[in-house]
Amino acid sequence: MTKTAPAKAGHALNPGRIVPGSWGLGVAIRWPDGRPAGALSLAAIENRMRPDRQPALVAALHREVRIIQDSLSRLSRPEPQTEP
């Protein structure tokens, strides 16, 4: 998987930048209006996050994010926080 900006790729990849040999993938969860609600991520040793496995892992994260976002769309949206 090539290095791409997270927004364009739809996910973020950390190829062991913080802890050598420990990789991470993440996908944002958004409210229906586009605001961030959270994220789902996976972390694994480098051998388990080989480039040939990354597309399947990213697809699994996106599948779960869609399920969560569908649930969020059925909830009443929390009001944005305002500064006092």
PDB file of N, CA and C in Angstrom:
ATOM      1  N   MET A   1       0.850  -1.156   0.000  1.00  0.00           N
ATOM      2  CA  MET A   1       0.000   0.000   0.000  1.00  0.00           C
ATOM      3  C   MET A   1       0.909   1.235   0.000  1.00  0.00           C
ATOM      4  N   THR A   2       0.657   2.151  -0.885  1.00  0.00           N
ATOM      5  CA  THR A   2       1.505   3.324  -0.972  1.00  0.00           C
ATOM      6  C   THR A   2       1.128   4.336   0.093  1.00  0.00           C
ATOM      7  N   LYS A   3       2.075   5.202   0.402  1.00  0.00           N
ATOM      8  CA  LYS A   3       1.795   6.264   1.369  1.00  0.00           C
ATOM      9  C   LYS A   3       0.891   7.285   0.707  1.00  0.00           C
ATOM     10  N   THR A   4      -0.265   7.515   1.300  1.00  0.00           N
ATOM     11  CA  THR A   4      -1.253   8.447   0.773  1.00  0.00           C
ATOM     12  C   THR A   4      -1.824   9.237   1.935  1.00  0.00           C
ATOM     13  N   ALA A   5      -2.256  10.448   1.661  1.00  0.00           N
ATOM     14  CA  ALA A   5      -2.902  11.241   2.707  1.00  0.00           C
ATOM     15  C   ALA A   5      -4.129  10.480   3.201  1.00  0.00           C
ATOM     16  N   PRO A   6      -4.339  10.413   4.537  1.00  0.00           N
ATOM     17  CA  PRO A   6      -5.462   9.644   5.079  1.00  0.00           C
ATOM     18  C   PRO A   6      -6.821   9.989   4.474  1.00  0.00           C
ATOM     19  N   ALA A   7      -7.105  11.263   4.259  1.00  0.00           N
ATOM     20  CA  ALA A   7      -8.417  11.643   3.720  1.00  0.00           C
ATOM     21  C   ALA A   7      -8.610  11.072   2.319  1.00  0.00           C
ATOM     22  N   LYS A   8      -7.566  11.071   1.529  1.00  0.00           N
ATOM     23  CA  LYS A   8      -7.665  10.550   0.164  1.00  0.00           C
ATOM     24  C   LYS A   8      -7.736   9.026   0.168  1.00  0.00           C
ATOM     25  N   ALA A   9      -6.973   8.386   1.033  1.00  0.00           N
ATOM     26  CA  ALA A   9      -6.931   6.929   1.089  1.00  0.00           C
ATOM     27  C   ALA A   9      -8.116   6.346   1.840  1.00  0.00           C
ATOM     28  N   GLY A  10      -8.721   7.141   2.732  1.00  0.00           N
ATOM     29  CA  GLY A  10      -9.830   6.635   3.535  1.00  0.00           C
ATOM     30  C   GLY A  10      -9.386   5.933   4.802  1.00  0.00           C
ATOM     31  N   HIS A  11      -8.094   5.935   5.043  1.00  0.00           N
ATOM     32  CA  HIS A  11      -7.551   5.322   6.254  1.00  0.00           C
ATOM     33  C   HIS A  11      -6.182   5.927   6.541  1.00  0.00           C
ATOM     34  N   ALA A  12      -5.694   5.660   7.740  1.00  0.00           N
ATOM     35  CA  ALA A  12      -4.351   6.093   8.119  1.00  0.00           C
ATOM     36  C   ALA A  12      -3.513   4.851   8.398  1.00  0.00           C
ATOM     37  N   LEU A  13      -2.247   4.918   8.043  1.00  0.00           N
ATOM     38  CA  LEU A  13      -1.307   3.821   8.258  1.00  0.00           C
ATOM     39  C   LEU A  13      -0.106   4.342   9.026  1.00  0.00           C
ATOM     40  N   ASN A  14       0.248   3.663  10.101  1.00  0.00           N
ATOM     41  CA  ASN A  14       1.457   3.978  10.859  1.00  0.00           C
ATOM     42  C   ASN A  14       2.393   2.776  10.725  1.00  0.00           C
ATOM     43  N   PRO A  15       3.368   2.866   9.830  1.00  0.00           N
ATOM     44  CA  PRO A  15       4.285   1.747   9.625  1.00  0.00           C
ATOM     45  C   PRO A  15       5.447   1.741  10.616  1.00  0.00           C
ATOM     46  N   GLY A  16       5.143   1.567  11.873  1.00  0.00           N
ATOM     47  CA  GLY A  16       6.185   1.456  12.884  1.00  0.00           C
ATOM     48  C   GLY A  16       6.925   2.743  13.178  1.00  0.00           C
ATOM     49  N   ARG A  17       6.299   3.889  12.990  1.00  0.00           N
ATOM     50  CA  ARG A  17       6.985   5.167  13.232  1.00  0.00           C
ATOM     51  C   ARG A  17       7.182   5.461  14.713  1.00  0.00           C
ATOM     52  N   ILE A  18       6.263   4.988  15.558  1.00  0.00           N
ATOM     53  CA  ILE A  18       6.366   5.288  16.987  1.00  0.00           C
ATOM     54  C   ILE A  18       7.109   4.179  17.716  1.00  0.00           C
ATOM     55  N   VAL A  19       6.696   2.940  17.476  1.00  0.00           N
ATOM     56  CA  VAL A  19       7.362   1.775  18.067  1.00  0.00           C
ATOM     57  C   VAL A  19       7.820   0.894  16.908  1.00  0.00           C
ATOM     58  N   PRO A  20       9.110   0.756  16.710  1.00  0.00           N
ATOM     59  CA  PRO A  20       9.593  -0.057  15.596  1.00  0.00           C
ATOM     60  C   PRO A  20       8.996  -1.469  15.635  1.00  0.00           C
ATOM     61  N   GLY A  21       8.511  -1.922  14.466  1.00  0.00           N
ATOM     62  CA  GLY A  21       7.934  -3.254  14.365  1.00  0.00           C
ATOM     63  C   GLY A  21       6.471  -3.341  14.736  1.00  0.00           C
ATOM     64  N   SER A  22       5.890  -2.238  15.250  1.00  0.00           N
ATOM     65  CA  SER A  22       4.472  -2.214  15.635  1.00  0.00           C
ATOM     66  C   SER A  22       3.729  -1.295  14.676  1.00  0.00           C
ATOM     67  N   TRP A  23       2.880  -1.867  13.841  1.00  0.00           N
ATOM     68  CA  TRP A  23       2.159  -1.116  12.818  1.00  0.00           C
ATOM     69  C   TRP A  23       0.721  -0.870  13.238  1.00  0.00           C
ATOM     70  N   GLY A  24       0.106   0.157  12.670  1.00  0.00           N
ATOM     71  CA  GLY A  24      -1.292   0.449  12.953  1.00  0.00           C
ATOM     72  C   GLY A  24      -2.027   0.930  11.718  1.00  0.00           C
ATOM     73  N   LEU A  25      -3.317   0.605  11.659  1.00  0.00           N
ATOM     74  CA  LEU A  25      -4.228   1.090  10.621  1.00  0.00           C
ATOM     75  C   LEU A  25      -5.429   1.696  11.323  1.00  0.00           C
ATOM     76  N   GLY A  26      -5.975   2.783  10.805  1.00  0.00           N
ATOM     77  CA  GLY A  26      -7.149   3.391  11.420  1.00  0.00           C
ATOM     78  C   GLY A  26      -8.085   3.988  10.391  1.00  0.00           C
ATOM     79  N   VAL A  27      -9.374   3.972  10.724  1.00  0.00           N
ATOM     80  CA  VAL A  27     -10.420   4.550   9.877  1.00  0.00           C
ATOM     81  C   VAL A  27     -11.313   5.411  10.764  1.00  0.00           C
ATOM     82  N   ALA A  28     -11.600   6.621  10.306  1.00  0.00           N
ATOM     83  CA  ALA A  28     -12.446   7.543  11.068  1.00  0.00           C
ATOM     84  C   ALA A  28     -13.904   7.107  11.041  1.00  0.00           C
ATOM     85  N   ILE A  29     -14.587   7.356  12.161  1.00  0.00           N
ATOM     86  CA  ILE A  29     -16.034   7.183  12.275  1.00  0.00           C
ATOM     87  C   ILE A  29     -16.620   8.584  12.313  1.00  0.00           C
ATOM     88  N   ARG A  30     -17.633   8.831  11.488  1.00  0.00           N
ATOM     89  CA  ARG A  30     -18.204  10.180  11.405  1.00  0.00           C
ATOM     90  C   ARG A  30     -19.706  10.173  11.675  1.00  0.00           C
ATOM     91  N   TRP A  31     -20.165  11.280  12.277  1.00  0.00           N
ATOM     92  CA  TRP A  31     -21.595  11.533  12.408  1.00  0.00           C
ATOM     93  C   TRP A  31     -22.141  11.792  11.008  1.00  0.00           C
ATOM     94  N   PRO A  32     -23.445  11.676  10.813  1.00  0.00           N
ATOM     95  CA  PRO A  32     -24.017  11.910   9.479  1.00  0.00           C
ATOM     96  C   PRO A  32     -23.660  13.266   8.872  1.00  0.00           C
ATOM     97  N   ASP A  33     -23.418  14.275   9.708  1.00  0.00           N
ATOM     98  CA  ASP A  33     -23.064  15.599   9.177  1.00  0.00           C
ATOM     99  C   ASP A  33     -21.568  15.734   8.870  1.00  0.00           C
ATOM    100  N   GLY A  34     -20.814  14.651   9.045  1.00  0.00           N
ATOM    101  CA  GLY A  34     -19.395  14.672   8.704  1.00  0.00           C
ATOM    102  C   GLY A  34     -18.452  14.932   9.857  1.00  0.00           C
ATOM    103  N   ARG A  35     -19.009  15.342  11.015  1.00  0.00           N
ATOM    104  CA  ARG A  35     -18.131  15.577  12.165  1.00  0.00           C
ATOM    105  C   ARG A  35     -17.544  14.262  12.650  1.00  0.00           C
ATOM    106  N   PRO A  36     -16.302  14.285  13.162  1.00  0.00           N
ATOM    107  CA  PRO A  36     -15.713  13.052  13.690  1.00  0.00           C
ATOM    108  C   PRO A  36     -16.441  12.575  14.944  1.00  0.00           C
ATOM    109  N   ALA A  37     -16.667  11.272  15.025  1.00  0.00           N
ATOM    110  CA  ALA A  37     -17.296  10.664  16.200  1.00  0.00           C
ATOM    111  C   ALA A  37     -16.310   9.746  16.915  1.00  0.00           C
ATOM    112  N   GLY A  38     -15.278   9.314  16.223  1.00  0.00           N
ATOM    113  CA  GLY A  38     -14.300   8.394  16.805  1.00  0.00           C
ATOM    114  C   GLY A  38     -13.518   7.733  15.690  1.00  0.00           C
ATOM    115  N   ALA A  39     -12.954   6.583  15.998  1.00  0.00           N
ATOM    116  CA  ALA A  39     -12.184   5.838  14.999  1.00  0.00           C
ATOM    117  C   ALA A  39     -12.099   4.377  15.408  1.00  0.00           C
ATOM    118  N   LEU A  40     -11.885   3.531  14.424  1.00  0.00           N
ATOM    119  CA  LEU A  40     -11.550   2.132  14.671  1.00  0.00           C
ATOM    120  C   LEU A  40     -10.126   1.939  14.184  1.00  0.00           C
ATOM    121  N   SER A  41      -9.367   1.164  14.929  1.00  0.00           N
ATOM    122  CA  SER A  41      -7.990   0.930  14.512  1.00  0.00           C
ATOM    123  C   SER A  41      -7.559  -0.491  14.845  1.00  0.00           C
ATOM    124  N   LEU A  42      -6.532  -0.908  14.165  1.00  0.00           N
ATOM    125  CA  LEU A  42      -5.880  -2.193  14.405  1.00  0.00           C
ATOM    126  C   LEU A  42      -4.403  -1.923  14.630  1.00  0.00           C
ATOM    127  N   ALA A  43      -3.820  -2.672  15.522  1.00  0.00           N
ATOM    128  CA  ALA A  43      -2.373  -2.611  15.722  1.00  0.00           C
ATOM    129  C   ALA A  43      -1.857  -4.034  15.734  1.00  0.00           C
ATOM    130  N   ALA A  44      -0.715  -4.234  15.117  1.00  0.00           N
ATOM    131  CA  ALA A  44      -0.137  -5.571  15.044  1.00  0.00           C
ATOM    132  C   ALA A  44       1.359  -5.465  14.784  1.00  0.00           C
ATOM    133  N   ILE A  45       2.038  -6.570  15.008  1.00  0.00           N
ATOM    134  CA  ILE A  45       3.452  -6.598  14.659  1.00  0.00           C
ATOM    135  C   ILE A  45       3.572  -6.545  13.140  1.00  0.00           C
ATOM    136  N   GLU A  46       4.685  -6.065  12.681  1.00  0.00           N
ATOM    137  CA  GLU A  46       4.902  -5.833  11.251  1.00  0.00           C
ATOM    138  C   GLU A  46       4.601  -7.065  10.397  1.00  0.00           C
ATOM    139  N   ASN A  47       4.978  -8.253  10.849  1.00  0.00           N
ATOM    140  CA  ASN A  47       4.764  -9.476  10.071  1.00  0.00           C
ATOM    141  C   ASN A  47       3.285  -9.749   9.807  1.00  0.00           C
ATOM    142  N   ARG A  48       2.400  -9.284  10.683  1.00  0.00           N
ATOM    143  CA  ARG A  48       0.970  -9.542  10.513  1.00  0.00           C
ATOM    144  C   ARG A  48       0.263  -8.440   9.723  1.00  0.00           C
ATOM    145  N   MET A  49       0.980  -7.390   9.382  1.00  0.00           N
ATOM    146  CA  MET A  49       0.379  -6.302   8.622  1.00  0.00           C
ATOM    147  C   MET A  49       1.180  -6.062   7.340  1.00  0.00           C
ATOM    148  N   ARG A  50       1.503  -7.160   6.692  1.00  0.00           N
ATOM    149  CA  ARG A  50       2.256  -7.097   5.434  1.00  0.00           C
ATOM    150  C   ARG A  50       1.458  -6.324   4.384  1.00  0.00           C
ATOM    151  N   PRO A  51       2.138  -5.748   3.414  1.00  0.00           N
ATOM    152  CA  PRO A  51       1.433  -4.995   2.359  1.00  0.00           C
ATOM    153  C   PRO A  51       0.348  -5.813   1.658  1.00  0.00           C
ATOM    154  N   ASP A  52       0.549  -7.118   1.480  1.00  0.00           N
ATOM    155  CA  ASP A  52      -0.471  -7.923   0.793  1.00  0.00           C
ATOM    156  C   ASP A  52      -1.722  -8.137   1.651  1.00  0.00           C
ATOM    157  N   ARG A  53      -1.631  -7.984   2.971  1.00  0.00           N
ATOM    158  CA  ARG A  53      -2.791  -8.128   3.864  1.00  0.00           C
ATOM    159  C   ARG A  53      -3.512  -6.812   4.119  1.00  0.00           C
ATOM    160  N   GLN A  54      -2.832  -5.700   3.919  1.00  0.00           N
ATOM    161  CA  GLN A  54      -3.403  -4.408   4.269  1.00  0.00           C
ATOM    162  C   GLN A  54      -4.731  -4.106   3.583  1.00  0.00           C
ATOM    163  N   PRO A  55      -4.916  -4.402   2.292  1.00  0.00           N
ATOM    164  CA  PRO A  55      -6.228  -4.120   1.686  1.00  0.00           C
ATOM    165  C   PRO A  55      -7.375  -4.853   2.382  1.00  0.00           C
ATOM    166  N   ALA A  56      -7.169  -6.098   2.769  1.00  0.00           N
ATOM    167  CA  ALA A  56      -8.230  -6.851   3.462  1.00  0.00           C
ATOM    168  C   ALA A  56      -8.491  -6.271   4.848  1.00  0.00           C
ATOM    169  N   LEU A  57      -7.445  -5.857   5.544  1.00  0.00           N
ATOM    170  CA  LEU A  57      -7.610  -5.264   6.867  1.00  0.00           C
ATOM    171  C   LEU A  57      -8.342  -3.925   6.778  1.00  0.00           C
ATOM    172  N   VAL A  58      -7.970  -3.115   5.800  1.00  0.00           N
ATOM    173  CA  VAL A  58      -8.638  -1.823   5.597  1.00  0.00           C
ATOM    174  C   VAL A  58     -10.108  -2.057   5.242  1.00  0.00           C
ATOM    175  N   ALA A  59     -10.384  -3.034   4.379  1.00  0.00           N
ATOM    176  CA  ALA A  59     -11.768  -3.330   4.004  1.00  0.00           C
ATOM    177  C   ALA A  59     -12.582  -3.765   5.225  1.00  0.00           C
ATOM    178  N   ALA A  60     -11.984  -4.573   6.104  1.00  0.00           N
ATOM    179  CA  ALA A  60     -12.686  -5.007   7.318  1.00  0.00           C
ATOM    180  C   ALA A  60     -12.986  -3.819   8.226  1.00  0.00           C
ATOM    181  N   LEU A  61     -12.031  -2.907   8.383  1.00  0.00           N
ATOM    182  CA  LEU A  61     -12.273  -1.712   9.190  1.00  0.00           C
ATOM    183  C   LEU A  61     -13.399  -0.872   8.587  1.00  0.00           C
ATOM    184  N   HIS A  62     -13.366  -0.662   7.274  1.00  0.00           N
ATOM    185  CA  HIS A  62     -14.416   0.133   6.625  1.00  0.00           C
ATOM    186  C   HIS A  62     -15.787  -0.529   6.770  1.00  0.00           C
ATOM    187  N   ARG A  63     -15.855  -1.837   6.683  1.00  0.00           N
ATOM    188  CA  ARG A  63     -17.119  -2.553   6.844  1.00  0.00           C
ATOM    189  C   ARG A  63     -17.699  -2.301   8.242  1.00  0.00           C
ATOM    190  N   GLU A  64     -16.863  -2.398   9.264  1.00  0.00           N
ATOM    191  CA  GLU A  64     -17.323  -2.169  10.637  1.00  0.00           C
ATOM    192  C   GLU A  64     -17.679  -0.707  10.875  1.00  0.00           C
ATOM    193  N   VAL A  65     -16.911   0.200  10.288  1.00  0.00           N
ATOM    194  CA  VAL A  65     -17.218   1.636  10.421  1.00  0.00           C
ATOM    195  C   VAL A  65     -18.588   1.935   9.816  1.00  0.00           C
ATOM    196  N   ARG A  66     -18.902   1.331   8.666  1.00  0.00           N
ATOM    197  CA  ARG A  66     -20.228   1.549   8.064  1.00  0.00           C
ATOM    198  C   ARG A  66     -21.346   1.109   8.998  1.00  0.00           C
ATOM    199  N   ILE A  67     -21.163  -0.025   9.668  1.00  0.00           N
ATOM    200  CA  ILE A  67     -22.174  -0.515  10.613  1.00  0.00           C
ATOM    201  C   ILE A  67     -22.365   0.487  11.747  1.00  0.00           C
ATOM    202  N   ILE A  68     -21.268   0.982  12.293  1.00  0.00           N
ATOM    203  CA  ILE A  68     -21.340   1.954  13.391  1.00  0.00           C
ATOM    204  C   ILE A  68     -21.986   3.252  12.906  1.00  0.00           C
ATOM    205  N   GLN A  69     -21.583   3.732  11.730  1.00  0.00           N
ATOM    206  CA  GLN A  69     -22.149   4.982  11.210  1.00  0.00           C
ATOM    207  C   GLN A  69     -23.636   4.837  10.921  1.00  0.00           C
ATOM    208  N   ASP A  70     -24.074   3.667  10.471  1.00  0.00           N
ATOM    209  CA  ASP A  70     -25.508   3.442  10.284  1.00  0.00           C
ATOM    210  C   ASP A  70     -26.240   3.567  11.620  1.00  0.00           C
ATOM    211  N   SER A  71     -25.637   3.010  12.680  1.00  0.00           N
ATOM    212  CA  SER A  71     -26.240   3.134  14.019  1.00  0.00           C
ATOM    213  C   SER A  71     -26.265   4.584  14.484  1.00  0.00           C
ATOM    214  N   LEU A  72     -25.187   5.309  14.233  1.00  0.00           N
ATOM    215  CA  LEU A  72     -25.137   6.725  14.632  1.00  0.00           C
ATOM    216  C   LEU A  72     -26.206   7.536  13.909  1.00  0.00           C
ATOM    217  N   SER A  73     -26.464   7.175  12.671  1.00  0.00           N
ATOM    218  CA  SER A  73     -27.462   7.951  11.916  1.00  0.00           C
ATOM    219  C   SER A  73     -28.870   7.774  12.488  1.00  0.00           C
ATOM    220  N   ARG A  74     -29.078   6.695  13.236  1.00  0.00           N
ATOM    221  CA  ARG A  74     -30.394   6.465  13.848  1.00  0.00           C
ATOM    222  C   ARG A  74     -30.512   7.104  15.232  1.00  0.00           C
ATOM    223  N   LEU A  75     -29.412   7.556  15.775  1.00  0.00           N
ATOM    224  CA  LEU A  75     -29.434   8.208  17.090  1.00  0.00           C
ATOM    225  C   LEU A  75     -29.716   9.689  16.934  1.00  0.00           C
ATOM    226  N   SER A  76     -30.224  10.286  18.000  1.00  0.00           N
ATOM    227  CA  SER A  76     -30.315  11.743  17.953  1.00  0.00           C
ATOM    228  C   SER A  76     -28.904  12.272  18.138  1.00  0.00           C
ATOM    229  N   ARG A  77     -28.563  13.186  17.324  1.00  0.00           N
ATOM    230  CA  ARG A  77     -27.218  13.736  17.287  1.00  0.00           C
ATOM    231  C   ARG A  77     -26.950  14.607  18.512  1.00  0.00           C
ATOM    232  N   PRO A  78     -25.782  14.439  19.155  1.00  0.00           N
ATOM    233  CA  PRO A  78     -25.469  15.328  20.271  1.00  0.00           C
ATOM    234  C   PRO A  78     -25.229  16.751  19.774  1.00  0.00           C
ATOM    235  N   GLU A  79     -25.575  17.694  20.601  1.00  0.00           N
ATOM    236  CA  GLU A  79     -25.362  19.096  20.251  1.00  0.00           C
ATOM    237  C   GLU A  79     -23.866  19.409  20.324  1.00  0.00           C
ATOM    238  N   PRO A  80     -23.366  20.222  19.378  1.00  0.00           N
ATOM    239  CA  PRO A  80     -21.952  20.612  19.434  1.00  0.00           C
ATOM    240  C   PRO A  80     -21.641  21.364  20.736  1.00  0.00           C
ATOM    241  N   GLN A  81     -20.453  21.162  21.255  1.00  0.00           N
ATOM    242  CA  GLN A  81     -20.018  21.855  22.474  1.00  0.00           C
ATOM    243  C   GLN A  81     -19.757  23.327  22.131  1.00  0.00           C
ATOM    244  N   THR A  82     -20.189  24.213  23.015  1.00  0.00           N
ATOM    245  CA  THR A  82     -19.909  25.632  22.834  1.00  0.00           C
ATOM    246  C   THR A  82     -19.026  26.096  23.977  1.00  0.00           C
ATOM    247  N   GLU A  83     -18.173  27.020  23.676  1.00  0.00           N
ATOM    248  CA  GLU A  83     -17.284  27.592  24.683  1.00  0.00           C
ATOM    249  C   GLU A  83     -18.089  28.502  25.595  1.00  0.00           C
ATOM    250  N   PRO A  84     -17.840  28.456  26.926  1.00  0.00           N
ATOM    251  CA  PRO A  84     -18.573  29.354  27.851  1.00  0.00           C
ATOM    252  C   PRO A  84     -18.174  30.805  27.667  1.00  0.00           C
TER     253      PRO A  84
END
